[in-house]
Amino acid sequence: MDSLTQIVLGASMGEAVLGKKAGNRAALWGAIAGTIPDLDVIVNVLSSEFNGLIHHRGISHSIAFSIVMAPLLGWLIFRLYGDKYGSARDWTKVAFWALFTHPLLDSFTTWGTQLFLPFSDYRVAINSIFVVDPLYTLPFLICLLIALFLHRESDMRRFWNWAGIAVSSFYLVLTLANKGTAHAHFVNALHFQGKSYTRLETYPTPLNNLLWYAVAEEISSYDMGYFSLLGDPGKIRFQSIPKNHQFIPPERQNYLVERMKWVSEGLYSLESRNDTLYWHDLRFGLLNGWAKRDEAPQYVFTYQLLEEAGEYVDIRAIRPDASTFGWEDLRVFWRKMWGEP
């Protein structure tokens, strides 16, 4: 999730564990601990784009990292304050819950979180909430702020903090129900339109949990469609995207290619332009898929494959052309979100 959400979650964990003893200090250190896993972006910036991509939400987002890092951070905080606001064990609990809930929440998003490193690089991706969702964050933030302005020993302070945790958790459960409903409607639409598929995945679209995106994998192509939970499922339409996986023959399948398949969870399309190969990650949909069906697809995540001596050695992220996306597109997106065809 976004940085603000992780700060709120970490601060709320700190308040829940030690707020009565340490007051706002517990929330402050919870917020700090809750941001530590995202410091992996520093390593990513200093490394190649390919290494940055495959290590994103890596070891710093693992359960093992939370277990190892929490006692160290707890001891450092205890050394700062002594036993004035809590024991080393108390501060270790603050650090652990702030560190652990960060990747746990990230696992509900689309990118995938390597919770089980260093034992397994399996990426947990529940795909039920977008990385930025105001309906998750804002009520949580409001409840937390109310709590922090109350006296640390006040029962109402604990009430408001736990209210924020309860409301955000309920919304997270609701996203799972929304995903299940959207998935069922996509299954029915594919069936009634006579489309066969070997795999179907559904994902939330930006900033909301009403408009959903689906990608259905066929033998040589994908069917991609959008549906709002407030709309008519009988009007779901799909856009066909060729796989073009043959552009990388078996003899050219090296480590980079295999890792790119792993990153995109096998949902990718290849495109060749001017003797250059581009990799489209289909998990995040099309920037114009819900608005401009008569135009060429514009993918949210595209990577140019870089070659050296006939081998693929690195990637270069290709940013979408922002000039093609304007206010009219946002209005169409808004109407789609509220169920207009």
C-alpha atoms as a PDB file:
ATOM      1  CA  MET A   1       0.000   0.000   0.000  1.00  0.00           C
ATOM      2  CA  ASP A   2       0.991   3.669  -0.207  1.00  0.00           C
ATOM      3  CA  SER A   3       3.285   5.260   2.382  1.00  0.00           C
ATOM      4  CA  LEU A   4       0.539   7.212   4.177  1.00  0.00           C
ATOM      5  CA  THR A   5      -1.503   4.050   4.714  1.00  0.00           C
ATOM      6  CA  GLN A   6       1.482   2.173   6.099  1.00  0.00           C
ATOM      7  CA  ILE A   7       2.302   5.066   8.446  1.00  0.00           C
ATOM      8  CA  VAL A   8      -1.283   5.076   9.741  1.00  0.00           C
ATOM      9  CA  LEU A   9      -1.293   1.295  10.174  1.00  0.00           C
ATOM     10  CA  GLY A  10       2.074   1.278  11.951  1.00  0.00           C
ATOM     11  CA  ALA A  11       1.091   4.160  14.230  1.00  0.00           C
ATOM     12  CA  SER A  12      -2.168   2.433  15.118  1.00  0.00           C
ATOM     13  CA  MET A  13      -0.299  -0.771  15.989  1.00  0.00           C
ATOM     14  CA  GLY A  14       2.065   1.192  18.219  1.00  0.00           C
ATOM     15  CA  GLU A  15      -0.846   2.888  19.967  1.00  0.00           C
ATOM     16  CA  ALA A  16      -2.667  -0.418  20.451  1.00  0.00           C
ATOM     17  CA  VAL A  17       0.379  -2.111  22.001  1.00  0.00           C
ATOM     18  CA  LEU A  18       1.874   0.643  24.171  1.00  0.00           C
ATOM     19  CA  GLY A  19      -0.177   3.813  23.839  1.00  0.00           C
ATOM     20  CA  LYS A  20      -1.415   3.753  27.430  1.00  0.00           C
ATOM     21  CA  LYS A  21       2.164   3.757  28.780  1.00  0.00           C
ATOM     22  CA  ALA A  22       4.052   5.747  26.146  1.00  0.00           C
ATOM     23  CA  GLY A  23       1.353   7.985  24.689  1.00  0.00           C
ATOM     24  CA  ASN A  24       2.066   9.386  21.241  1.00  0.00           C
ATOM     25  CA  ARG A  25       5.632   8.066  21.366  1.00  0.00           C
ATOM     26  CA  ALA A  26       4.258   4.571  20.765  1.00  0.00           C
ATOM     27  CA  ALA A  27       2.363   5.774  17.692  1.00  0.00           C
ATOM     28  CA  LEU A  28       5.455   7.654  16.438  1.00  0.00           C
ATOM     29  CA  TRP A  29       7.721   4.630  16.644  1.00  0.00           C
ATOM     30  CA  GLY A  30       5.010   2.409  15.227  1.00  0.00           C
ATOM     31  CA  ALA A  31       4.782   4.752  12.242  1.00  0.00           C
ATOM     32  CA  ILE A  32       8.571   4.678  11.807  1.00  0.00           C
ATOM     33  CA  ALA A  33       8.719   0.891  12.022  1.00  0.00           C
ATOM     34  CA  GLY A  34       5.785   0.651   9.621  1.00  0.00           C
ATOM     35  CA  THR A  35       7.753   2.466   6.926  1.00  0.00           C
ATOM     36  CA  ILE A  36      11.002   0.491   7.283  1.00  0.00           C
ATOM     37  CA  PRO A  37      10.025  -2.363   4.889  1.00  0.00           C
ATOM     38  CA  ASP A  38       9.598   0.166   2.061  1.00  0.00           C
ATOM     39  CA  LEU A  39      13.217   1.265   2.398  1.00  0.00           C
ATOM     40  CA  ASP A  40      13.944  -1.482  -0.125  1.00  0.00           C
ATOM     41  CA  VAL A  41      13.342   1.213  -2.738  1.00  0.00           C
ATOM     42  CA  ILE A  42      16.770   2.637  -1.857  1.00  0.00           C
ATOM     43  CA  VAL A  43      18.414  -0.620  -2.881  1.00  0.00           C
ATOM     44  CA  ASN A  44      16.265  -0.710  -5.985  1.00  0.00           C
ATOM     45  CA  VAL A  45      17.381   2.788  -7.028  1.00  0.00           C
ATOM     46  CA  LEU A  46      21.056   1.870  -6.598  1.00  0.00           C
ATOM     47  CA  SER A  47      20.691  -1.350  -8.585  1.00  0.00           C
ATOM     48  CA  SER A  48      19.670  -2.136 -12.165  1.00  0.00           C
ATOM     49  CA  GLU A  49      16.009  -1.822 -13.154  1.00  0.00           C
ATOM     50  CA  PHE A  50      15.750  -5.586 -13.461  1.00  0.00           C
ATOM     51  CA  ASN A  51      17.187  -6.257  -9.997  1.00  0.00           C
ATOM     52  CA  GLY A  52      15.014  -3.511  -8.546  1.00  0.00           C
ATOM     53  CA  LEU A  53      11.948  -5.111 -10.091  1.00  0.00           C
ATOM     54  CA  ILE A  54      12.556  -8.656  -8.876  1.00  0.00           C
ATOM     55  CA  HIS A  55      13.584  -7.577  -5.354  1.00  0.00           C
ATOM     56  CA  HIS A  56      10.674  -5.185  -4.832  1.00  0.00           C
ATOM     57  CA  ARG A  57       8.722  -6.311  -1.754  1.00  0.00           C
ATOM     58  CA  GLY A  58      11.450  -8.836  -1.110  1.00  0.00           C
ATOM     59  CA  ILE A  59      13.310  -9.702   2.089  1.00  0.00           C
ATOM     60  CA  SER A  60      12.265  -6.509   3.909  1.00  0.00           C
ATOM     61  CA  HIS A  61       8.628  -7.591   3.437  1.00  0.00           C
ATOM     62  CA  SER A  62       9.136 -11.094   4.797  1.00  0.00           C
ATOM     63  CA  ILE A  63       7.921 -12.558   8.073  1.00  0.00           C
ATOM     64  CA  ALA A  64      11.523 -13.469   8.908  1.00  0.00           C
ATOM     65  CA  PHE A  65      12.579  -9.816   8.581  1.00  0.00           C
ATOM     66  CA  SER A  66       9.881  -8.759  11.048  1.00  0.00           C
ATOM     67  CA  ILE A  67      10.988 -11.414  13.556  1.00  0.00           C
ATOM     68  CA  VAL A  68      14.687 -10.503  13.302  1.00  0.00           C
ATOM     69  CA  MET A  69      14.316  -6.727  13.049  1.00  0.00           C
ATOM     70  CA  ALA A  70      11.767  -6.234  15.859  1.00  0.00           C
ATOM     71  CA  PRO A  71      14.069  -7.105  18.814  1.00  0.00           C
ATOM     72  CA  LEU A  72      16.853  -4.915  17.397  1.00  0.00           C
ATOM     73  CA  LEU A  73      14.567  -1.921  16.903  1.00  0.00           C
ATOM     74  CA  GLY A  74      12.870  -2.531  20.249  1.00  0.00           C
ATOM     75  CA  TRP A  75      16.241  -2.580  22.020  1.00  0.00           C
ATOM     76  CA  LEU A  76      17.329   0.671  20.325  1.00  0.00           C
ATOM     77  CA  ILE A  77      14.123   2.447  21.374  1.00  0.00           C
ATOM     78  CA  PHE A  78      14.500   1.095  24.914  1.00  0.00           C
ATOM     79  CA  ARG A  79      18.077   2.414  25.024  1.00  0.00           C
ATOM     80  CA  LEU A  80      16.738   5.829  24.044  1.00  0.00           C
ATOM     81  CA  TYR A  81      14.099   6.050  26.788  1.00  0.00           C
ATOM     82  CA  GLY A  82      15.223   3.546  29.381  1.00  0.00           C
ATOM     83  CA  ASP A  83      12.336   1.925  31.235  1.00  0.00           C
ATOM     84  CA  LYS A  84      10.387   5.193  31.499  1.00  0.00           C
ATOM     85  CA  TYR A  85       7.733   4.249  28.951  1.00  0.00           C
ATOM     86  CA  GLY A  86       8.061   0.504  28.707  1.00  0.00           C
ATOM     87  CA  SER A  87      10.444  -2.433  28.702  1.00  0.00           C
ATOM     88  CA  ALA A  88      12.559  -3.634  25.791  1.00  0.00           C
ATOM     89  CA  ARG A  89       9.981  -6.372  25.356  1.00  0.00           C
ATOM     90  CA  ASP A  90       7.189  -3.776  25.105  1.00  0.00           C
ATOM     91  CA  TRP A  91       9.027  -1.834  22.407  1.00  0.00           C
ATOM     92  CA  THR A  92       9.840  -5.077  20.595  1.00  0.00           C
ATOM     93  CA  LYS A  93       6.109  -5.794  20.418  1.00  0.00           C
ATOM     94  CA  VAL A  94       5.472  -2.323  18.981  1.00  0.00           C
ATOM     95  CA  ALA A  95       8.167  -2.866  16.354  1.00  0.00           C
ATOM     96  CA  PHE A  96       7.007  -6.377  15.455  1.00  0.00           C
ATOM     97  CA  TRP A  97       3.349  -5.551  14.909  1.00  0.00           C
ATOM     98  CA  ALA A  98       4.198  -2.436  12.903  1.00  0.00           C
ATOM     99  CA  LEU A  99       6.722  -4.343  10.781  1.00  0.00           C
ATOM    100  CA  PHE A 100       4.576  -7.455  10.334  1.00  0.00           C
ATOM    101  CA  THR A 101       1.281  -5.767   9.429  1.00  0.00           C
ATOM    102  CA  HIS A 102       3.002  -3.784   6.651  1.00  0.00           C
ATOM    103  CA  PRO A 103       3.704  -6.768   4.338  1.00  0.00           C
ATOM    104  CA  LEU A 104       0.520  -8.469   5.512  1.00  0.00           C
ATOM    105  CA  LEU A 105      -1.517  -5.554   4.152  1.00  0.00           C
ATOM    106  CA  ASP A 106       0.625  -5.389   1.004  1.00  0.00           C
ATOM    107  CA  SER A 107      -0.307  -9.013   0.320  1.00  0.00           C
ATOM    108  CA  PHE A 108      -3.863  -7.936  -0.456  1.00  0.00           C
ATOM    109  CA  THR A 109      -2.656  -5.813  -3.391  1.00  0.00           C
ATOM    110  CA  THR A 110      -1.702  -6.886  -6.896  1.00  0.00           C
ATOM    111  CA  TRP A 111       2.083  -6.689  -6.976  1.00  0.00           C
ATOM    112  CA  GLY A 112       2.778  -9.616  -4.702  1.00  0.00           C
ATOM    113  CA  THR A 113       4.708  -9.822  -1.423  1.00  0.00           C
ATOM    114  CA  GLN A 114       7.489 -12.327  -0.720  1.00  0.00           C
ATOM    115  CA  LEU A 115       6.364 -13.157   2.804  1.00  0.00           C
ATOM    116  CA  PHE A 116       8.289 -16.413   3.063  1.00  0.00           C
ATOM    117  CA  LEU A 117      11.812 -15.307   2.122  1.00  0.00           C
ATOM    118  CA  PRO A 118      14.496 -16.533   2.538  1.00  0.00           C
ATOM    119  CA  PHE A 119      12.841 -19.970   2.436  1.00  0.00           C
ATOM    120  CA  SER A 120      10.602 -19.388  -0.581  1.00  0.00           C
ATOM    121  CA  ASP A 121      10.223 -16.624  -3.164  1.00  0.00           C
ATOM    122  CA  TYR A 122       6.507 -17.331  -3.536  1.00  0.00           C
ATOM    123  CA  ARG A 123       4.701 -14.013  -3.909  1.00  0.00           C
ATOM    124  CA  VAL A 124       1.431 -13.654  -2.006  1.00  0.00           C
ATOM    125  CA  ALA A 125      -0.963 -11.488  -4.044  1.00  0.00           C
ATOM    126  CA  ILE A 126      -4.632 -11.643  -3.071  1.00  0.00           C
ATOM    127  CA  ASN A 127      -5.530  -8.894  -5.597  1.00  0.00           C
ATOM    128  CA  SER A 128      -8.460  -7.478  -3.653  1.00  0.00           C
ATOM    129  CA  ILE A 129      -7.444  -3.849  -3.037  1.00  0.00           C
ATOM    130  CA  PHE A 130      -5.602  -1.258  -5.086  1.00  0.00           C
ATOM    131  CA  VAL A 131      -2.315   0.067  -3.710  1.00  0.00           C
ATOM    132  CA  VAL A 132      -4.018   3.431  -2.999  1.00  0.00           C
ATOM    133  CA  ASP A 133      -7.595   3.251  -1.744  1.00  0.00           C
ATOM    134  CA  PRO A 134      -8.993   6.328   0.073  1.00  0.00           C
ATOM    135  CA  LEU A 135     -11.908   4.376   1.552  1.00  0.00           C
ATOM    136  CA  TYR A 136      -9.441   2.187   3.415  1.00  0.00           C
ATOM    137  CA  THR A 137      -7.057   4.933   4.508  1.00  0.00           C
ATOM    138  CA  LEU A 138      -9.137   8.029   5.307  1.00  0.00           C
ATOM    139  CA  PRO A 139     -11.516   6.567   7.962  1.00  0.00           C
ATOM    140  CA  PHE A 140      -8.516   4.831   9.533  1.00  0.00           C
ATOM    141  CA  LEU A 141      -6.555   8.108   9.587  1.00  0.00           C
ATOM    142  CA  ILE A 142      -9.450  10.091  11.079  1.00  0.00           C
ATOM    143  CA  CYS A 143      -9.961   7.581  13.891  1.00  0.00           C
ATOM    144  CA  LEU A 144      -6.239   7.535  14.653  1.00  0.00           C
ATOM    145  CA  LEU A 145      -5.983  11.348  14.781  1.00  0.00           C
ATOM    146  CA  ILE A 146      -8.937  11.566  17.161  1.00  0.00           C
ATOM    147  CA  ALA A 147      -7.272   8.980  19.402  1.00  0.00           C
ATOM    148  CA  LEU A 148      -3.925  10.797  19.447  1.00  0.00           C
ATOM    149  CA  PHE A 149      -5.533  14.022  20.653  1.00  0.00           C
ATOM    150  CA  LEU A 150      -7.012  12.296  23.715  1.00  0.00           C
ATOM    151  CA  HIS A 151      -5.240  11.627  27.008  1.00  0.00           C
ATOM    152  CA  ARG A 152      -3.110   8.503  26.854  1.00  0.00           C
ATOM    153  CA  GLU A 153      -5.006   6.829  29.720  1.00  0.00           C
ATOM    154  CA  SER A 154      -8.438   7.660  28.310  1.00  0.00           C
ATOM    155  CA  ASP A 155     -10.709   4.741  27.456  1.00  0.00           C
ATOM    156  CA  MET A 156     -12.027   6.795  24.502  1.00  0.00           C
ATOM    157  CA  ARG A 157      -8.506   6.982  23.104  1.00  0.00           C
ATOM    158  CA  ARG A 158      -8.339   3.209  22.946  1.00  0.00           C
ATOM    159  CA  PHE A 159     -11.882   3.098  21.576  1.00  0.00           C
ATOM    160  CA  TRP A 160     -11.065   5.396  18.632  1.00  0.00           C
ATOM    161  CA  ASN A 161      -7.829   3.614  17.828  1.00  0.00           C
ATOM    162  CA  TRP A 162      -9.508   0.204  17.792  1.00  0.00           C
ATOM    163  CA  ALA A 163     -12.415   1.679  15.849  1.00  0.00           C
ATOM    164  CA  GLY A 164      -9.956   2.623  13.092  1.00  0.00           C
ATOM    165  CA  ILE A 165      -8.469  -0.867  13.111  1.00  0.00           C
ATOM    166  CA  ALA A 166     -11.952  -2.437  13.027  1.00  0.00           C
ATOM    167  CA  VAL A 167     -13.287  -0.219  10.222  1.00  0.00           C
ATOM    168  CA  SER A 168     -10.210  -0.721   8.023  1.00  0.00           C
ATOM    169  CA  SER A 169     -10.235  -4.476   8.665  1.00  0.00           C
ATOM    170  CA  PHE A 170     -13.943  -4.668   7.808  1.00  0.00           C
ATOM    171  CA  TYR A 171     -13.272  -2.799   4.561  1.00  0.00           C
ATOM    172  CA  LEU A 172     -10.461  -5.217   3.751  1.00  0.00           C
ATOM    173  CA  VAL A 173     -12.842  -8.152   4.220  1.00  0.00           C
ATOM    174  CA  LEU A 174     -15.388  -6.328   2.059  1.00  0.00           C
ATOM    175  CA  THR A 175     -12.838  -6.123  -0.768  1.00  0.00           C
ATOM    176  CA  LEU A 176     -12.617  -9.922  -0.718  1.00  0.00           C
ATOM    177  CA  ALA A 177     -16.393 -10.163  -1.097  1.00  0.00           C
ATOM    178  CA  ASN A 178     -16.331  -7.595  -3.904  1.00  0.00           C
ATOM    179  CA  LYS A 179     -13.608  -9.544  -5.679  1.00  0.00           C
ATOM    180  CA  GLY A 180     -15.621 -12.754  -5.434  1.00  0.00           C
ATOM    181  CA  THR A 181     -18.727 -11.049  -6.841  1.00  0.00           C
ATOM    182  CA  ALA A 182     -16.827  -9.453  -9.727  1.00  0.00           C
ATOM    183  CA  HIS A 183     -15.058 -12.720 -10.526  1.00  0.00           C
ATOM    184  CA  ALA A 184     -18.375 -14.592 -10.702  1.00  0.00           C
ATOM    185  CA  HIS A 185     -19.818 -12.012 -13.104  1.00  0.00           C
ATOM    186  CA  PHE A 186     -16.744 -12.256 -15.346  1.00  0.00           C
ATOM    187  CA  VAL A 187     -17.069 -16.056 -15.393  1.00  0.00           C
ATOM    188  CA  ASN A 188     -20.721 -15.808 -16.434  1.00  0.00           C
ATOM    189  CA  ALA A 189     -19.974 -13.182 -19.095  1.00  0.00           C
ATOM    190  CA  LEU A 190     -17.244 -15.319 -20.640  1.00  0.00           C
ATOM    191  CA  HIS A 191     -19.564 -18.323 -20.629  1.00  0.00           C
ATOM    192  CA  PHE A 192     -22.497 -16.532 -22.275  1.00  0.00           C
ATOM    193  CA  GLN A 193     -20.200 -14.982 -24.881  1.00  0.00           C
ATOM    194  CA  GLY A 194     -18.815 -18.419 -25.757  1.00  0.00           C
ATOM    195  CA  LYS A 195     -15.239 -17.628 -24.753  1.00  0.00           C
ATOM    196  CA  SER A 196     -13.064 -20.442 -23.484  1.00  0.00           C
ATOM    197  CA  TYR A 197     -10.131 -19.791 -21.178  1.00  0.00           C
ATOM    198  CA  THR A 198      -7.527 -21.661 -19.169  1.00  0.00           C
ATOM    199  CA  ARG A 199      -7.098 -19.049 -16.434  1.00  0.00           C
ATOM    200  CA  LEU A 200      -9.051 -16.056 -15.157  1.00  0.00           C
ATOM    201  CA  GLU A 201      -7.730 -13.366 -12.809  1.00  0.00           C
ATOM    202  CA  THR A 202      -9.537 -10.300 -11.469  1.00  0.00           C
ATOM    203  CA  TYR A 203      -8.007  -7.085 -10.135  1.00  0.00           C
ATOM    204  CA  PRO A 204      -9.278  -3.802  -8.638  1.00  0.00           C
ATOM    205  CA  THR A 205      -8.801  -0.587 -10.623  1.00  0.00           C
ATOM    206  CA  PRO A 206      -7.156   2.568  -9.177  1.00  0.00           C
ATOM    207  CA  LEU A 207      -8.528   4.372  -6.115  1.00  0.00           C
ATOM    208  CA  ASN A 208     -11.704   2.329  -5.709  1.00  0.00           C
ATOM    209  CA  ASN A 209     -13.148  -1.129  -5.128  1.00  0.00           C
ATOM    210  CA  LEU A 210     -16.162  -0.877  -7.430  1.00  0.00           C
ATOM    211  CA  LEU A 211     -14.625  -1.111 -10.897  1.00  0.00           C
ATOM    212  CA  TRP A 212     -12.820  -4.375 -11.565  1.00  0.00           C
ATOM    213  CA  TYR A 213     -10.592  -5.602 -14.340  1.00  0.00           C
ATOM    214  CA  ALA A 214     -10.264  -9.186 -15.578  1.00  0.00           C
ATOM    215  CA  VAL A 215      -7.802 -10.975 -17.801  1.00  0.00           C
ATOM    216  CA  ALA A 216      -8.823 -14.372 -19.188  1.00  0.00           C
ATOM    217  CA  GLU A 217      -6.007 -16.412 -20.686  1.00  0.00           C
ATOM    218  CA  GLU A 218      -6.581 -18.412 -23.854  1.00  0.00           C
ATOM    219  CA  ILE A 219      -4.104 -20.480 -25.870  1.00  0.00           C
ATOM    220  CA  SER A 220      -2.733 -17.652 -28.007  1.00  0.00           C
ATOM    221  CA  SER A 221      -4.400 -14.520 -26.603  1.00  0.00           C
ATOM    222  CA  TYR A 222      -6.018 -12.835 -23.612  1.00  0.00           C
ATOM    223  CA  ASP A 223      -9.510 -11.429 -23.200  1.00  0.00           C
ATOM    224  CA  MET A 224      -9.473  -8.291 -21.053  1.00  0.00           C
ATOM    225  CA  GLY A 225     -12.605  -6.634 -19.675  1.00  0.00           C
ATOM    226  CA  TYR A 226     -13.956  -4.235 -17.030  1.00  0.00           C
ATOM    227  CA  PHE A 227     -17.010  -4.409 -14.790  1.00  0.00           C
ATOM    228  CA  SER A 228     -18.459  -2.200 -12.051  1.00  0.00           C
ATOM    229  CA  LEU A 229     -20.305  -3.809  -9.171  1.00  0.00           C
ATOM    230  CA  LEU A 230     -22.966  -1.136  -9.745  1.00  0.00           C
ATOM    231  CA  GLY A 231     -23.277  -1.934 -13.446  1.00  0.00           C
ATOM    232  CA  ASP A 232     -25.064  -4.466 -15.629  1.00  0.00           C
ATOM    233  CA  PRO A 233     -23.029  -7.692 -15.902  1.00  0.00           C
ATOM    234  CA  GLY A 234     -24.787  -8.432 -19.174  1.00  0.00           C
ATOM    235  CA  LYS A 235     -22.913  -5.530 -20.751  1.00  0.00           C
ATOM    236  CA  ILE A 236     -19.396  -6.739 -19.976  1.00  0.00           C
ATOM    237  CA  ARG A 237     -17.246  -6.515 -23.099  1.00  0.00           C
ATOM    238  CA  PHE A 238     -13.825  -8.031 -23.663  1.00  0.00           C
ATOM    239  CA  GLN A 239     -10.859  -6.847 -25.687  1.00  0.00           C
ATOM    240  CA  SER A 240      -8.573  -9.464 -27.253  1.00  0.00           C
ATOM    241  CA  ILE A 241      -4.826  -9.052 -26.775  1.00  0.00           C
ATOM    242  CA  PRO A 242      -2.384 -11.407 -28.565  1.00  0.00           C
ATOM    243  CA  LYS A 243       0.173 -13.202 -26.406  1.00  0.00           C
ATOM    244  CA  ASN A 244       2.989 -13.258 -28.984  1.00  0.00           C
ATOM    245  CA  HIS A 245       5.004 -15.465 -26.625  1.00  0.00           C
ATOM    246  CA  GLN A 246       6.666 -17.007 -29.661  1.00  0.00           C
ATOM    247  CA  PHE A 247       8.736 -13.827 -29.979  1.00  0.00           C
ATOM    248  CA  ILE A 248      11.054 -15.379 -27.364  1.00  0.00           C
ATOM    249  CA  PRO A 249      11.857 -18.889 -28.629  1.00  0.00           C
ATOM    250  CA  PRO A 250      12.970 -21.592 -26.150  1.00  0.00           C
ATOM    251  CA  GLU A 251      16.669 -21.135 -26.965  1.00  0.00           C
ATOM    252  CA  ARG A 252      16.493 -17.495 -25.769  1.00  0.00           C
ATOM    253  CA  GLN A 253      14.747 -18.205 -22.469  1.00  0.00           C
ATOM    254  CA  ASN A 254      17.383 -17.150 -19.955  1.00  0.00           C
ATOM    255  CA  TYR A 255      17.310 -16.101 -16.269  1.00  0.00           C
ATOM    256  CA  LEU A 256      15.956 -12.632 -17.045  1.00  0.00           C
ATOM    257  CA  VAL A 257      13.066 -14.022 -19.089  1.00  0.00           C
ATOM    258  CA  GLU A 258      12.170 -16.575 -16.424  1.00  0.00           C
ATOM    259  CA  ARG A 259      12.200 -13.917 -13.696  1.00  0.00           C
ATOM    260  CA  MET A 260      10.047 -11.604 -15.818  1.00  0.00           C
ATOM    261  CA  LYS A 261       7.523 -14.423 -16.128  1.00  0.00           C
ATOM    262  CA  TRP A 262       7.677 -14.794 -12.353  1.00  0.00           C
ATOM    263  CA  VAL A 263       7.144 -11.064 -11.785  1.00  0.00           C
ATOM    264  CA  SER A 264       4.124 -10.891 -14.113  1.00  0.00           C
ATOM    265  CA  GLU A 265       2.794 -14.241 -12.841  1.00  0.00           C
ATOM    266  CA  GLY A 266       2.720 -15.540 -16.404  1.00  0.00           C
ATOM    267  CA  LEU A 267       0.257 -12.866 -17.562  1.00  0.00           C
ATOM    268  CA  TYR A 268       2.246 -10.971 -20.173  1.00  0.00           C
ATOM    269  CA  SER A 269       2.081  -9.984 -23.801  1.00  0.00           C
ATOM    270  CA  LEU A 270       5.059  -9.365 -26.082  1.00  0.00           C
ATOM    271  CA  GLU A 271       5.292  -6.723 -28.771  1.00  0.00           C
ATOM    272  CA  SER A 272       8.003  -6.221 -31.366  1.00  0.00           C
ATOM    273  CA  ARG A 273       8.650  -2.708 -32.725  1.00  0.00           C
ATOM    274  CA  ASN A 274      11.664  -1.693 -34.811  1.00  0.00           C
ATOM    275  CA  ASP A 275      13.569  -4.856 -33.863  1.00  0.00           C
ATOM    276  CA  THR A 276      12.992  -4.100 -30.175  1.00  0.00           C
ATOM    277  CA  LEU A 277      10.991  -6.386 -27.900  1.00  0.00           C
ATOM    278  CA  TYR A 278       8.577  -4.996 -25.296  1.00  0.00           C
ATOM    279  CA  TRP A 279       7.115  -6.877 -22.348  1.00  0.00           C
ATOM    280  CA  HIS A 280       3.606  -5.852 -21.213  1.00  0.00           C
ATOM    281  CA  ASP A 281       2.608  -6.878 -17.670  1.00  0.00           C
ATOM    282  CA  LEU A 282      -1.143  -7.509 -17.905  1.00  0.00           C
ATOM    283  CA  ARG A 283      -1.879  -7.692 -14.175  1.00  0.00           C
ATOM    284  CA  PHE A 284      -2.473  -3.938 -14.042  1.00  0.00           C
ATOM    285  CA  GLY A 285      -4.639  -3.640 -17.139  1.00  0.00           C
ATOM    286  CA  LEU A 286      -4.732  -0.998 -19.823  1.00  0.00           C
ATOM    287  CA  LEU A 287      -4.472   2.725 -19.270  1.00  0.00           C
ATOM    288  CA  ASN A 288      -7.116   3.216 -21.944  1.00  0.00           C
ATOM    289  CA  GLY A 289      -8.866  -0.156 -21.866  1.00  0.00           C
ATOM    290  CA  TRP A 290     -12.050   1.119 -20.240  1.00  0.00           C
ATOM    291  CA  ALA A 291     -12.316   4.255 -22.375  1.00  0.00           C
ATOM    292  CA  LYS A 292     -10.913   4.022 -25.902  1.00  0.00           C
ATOM    293  CA  ARG A 293     -11.460   0.643 -27.473  1.00  0.00           C
ATOM    294  CA  ASP A 294     -10.777   1.955 -30.967  1.00  0.00           C
ATOM    295  CA  GLU A 295      -7.216   2.952 -30.048  1.00  0.00           C
ATOM    296  CA  ALA A 296      -4.098   0.830 -29.683  1.00  0.00           C
ATOM    297  CA  PRO A 297      -3.759  -0.637 -26.176  1.00  0.00           C
ATOM    298  CA  GLN A 298      -1.695   1.458 -23.773  1.00  0.00           C
ATOM    299  CA  TYR A 299      -0.394  -0.695 -20.952  1.00  0.00           C
ATOM    300  CA  VAL A 300       0.189   0.490 -17.404  1.00  0.00           C
ATOM    301  CA  PHE A 301       3.466  -1.450 -17.082  1.00  0.00           C
ATOM    302  CA  THR A 302       5.677  -2.014 -20.112  1.00  0.00           C
ATOM    303  CA  TYR A 303       9.359  -2.953 -20.162  1.00  0.00           C
ATOM    304  CA  GLN A 304      11.827  -2.852 -23.027  1.00  0.00           C
ATOM    305  CA  LEU A 305      14.079  -5.920 -23.070  1.00  0.00           C
ATOM    306  CA  LEU A 306      17.720  -4.898 -23.472  1.00  0.00           C
ATOM    307  CA  GLU A 307      20.120  -7.205 -25.294  1.00  0.00           C
ATOM    308  CA  GLU A 308      23.864  -7.714 -25.206  1.00  0.00           C
ATOM    309  CA  ALA A 309      25.653 -10.249 -27.401  1.00  0.00           C
ATOM    310  CA  GLY A 310      22.303 -11.843 -28.260  1.00  0.00           C
ATOM    311  CA  GLU A 311      21.266 -12.266 -24.605  1.00  0.00           C
ATOM    312  CA  TYR A 312      18.593 -10.401 -22.677  1.00  0.00           C
ATOM    313  CA  VAL A 313      20.519  -8.710 -19.858  1.00  0.00           C
ATOM    314  CA  ASP A 314      18.320  -5.919 -18.457  1.00  0.00           C
ATOM    315  CA  ILE A 315      15.053  -4.038 -18.823  1.00  0.00           C
ATOM    316  CA  ARG A 316      13.995  -0.428 -19.193  1.00  0.00           C
ATOM    317  CA  ALA A 317      10.605   0.661 -17.866  1.00  0.00           C
ATOM    318  CA  ILE A 318       8.552   2.512 -20.473  1.00  0.00           C
ATOM    319  CA  ARG A 319       6.310   5.128 -18.896  1.00  0.00           C
ATOM    320  CA  PRO A 320       2.817   5.598 -20.363  1.00  0.00           C
ATOM    321  CA  ASP A 321       2.326   8.707 -22.471  1.00  0.00           C
ATOM    322  CA  ALA A 322       0.533  10.989 -20.017  1.00  0.00           C
ATOM    323  CA  SER A 323      -0.397  13.417 -22.796  1.00  0.00           C
ATOM    324  CA  THR A 324      -2.917  10.901 -24.145  1.00  0.00           C
ATOM    325  CA  PHE A 325      -4.759  10.786 -20.820  1.00  0.00           C
ATOM    326  CA  GLY A 326      -6.887  13.825 -19.935  1.00  0.00           C
ATOM    327  CA  TRP A 327      -9.908  15.045 -18.013  1.00  0.00           C
ATOM    328  CA  GLU A 328     -12.328  13.363 -20.401  1.00  0.00           C
ATOM    329  CA  ASP A 329     -10.693  10.017 -19.637  1.00  0.00           C
ATOM    330  CA  LEU A 330     -11.129  10.662 -15.919  1.00  0.00           C
ATOM    331  CA  ARG A 331     -14.798  11.487 -16.450  1.00  0.00           C
ATOM    332  CA  VAL A 332     -15.285   8.266 -18.400  1.00  0.00           C
ATOM    333  CA  PHE A 333     -13.496   6.334 -15.645  1.00  0.00           C
ATOM    334  CA  TRP A 334     -15.753   7.947 -13.023  1.00  0.00           C
ATOM    335  CA  ARG A 335     -18.885   7.018 -14.956  1.00  0.00           C
ATOM    336  CA  LYS A 336     -17.618   3.475 -15.479  1.00  0.00           C
ATOM    337  CA  MET A 337     -16.919   3.159 -11.769  1.00  0.00           C
ATOM    338  CA  TRP A 338     -20.529   4.056 -10.991  1.00  0.00           C
ATOM    339  CA  GLY A 339     -21.884   1.485 -13.419  1.00  0.00           C
ATOM    340  CA  GLU A 340     -22.501   3.348 -16.674  1.00  0.00           C
ATOM    341  CA  PRO A 341     -21.874   1.177 -19.745  1.00  0.00           C
END
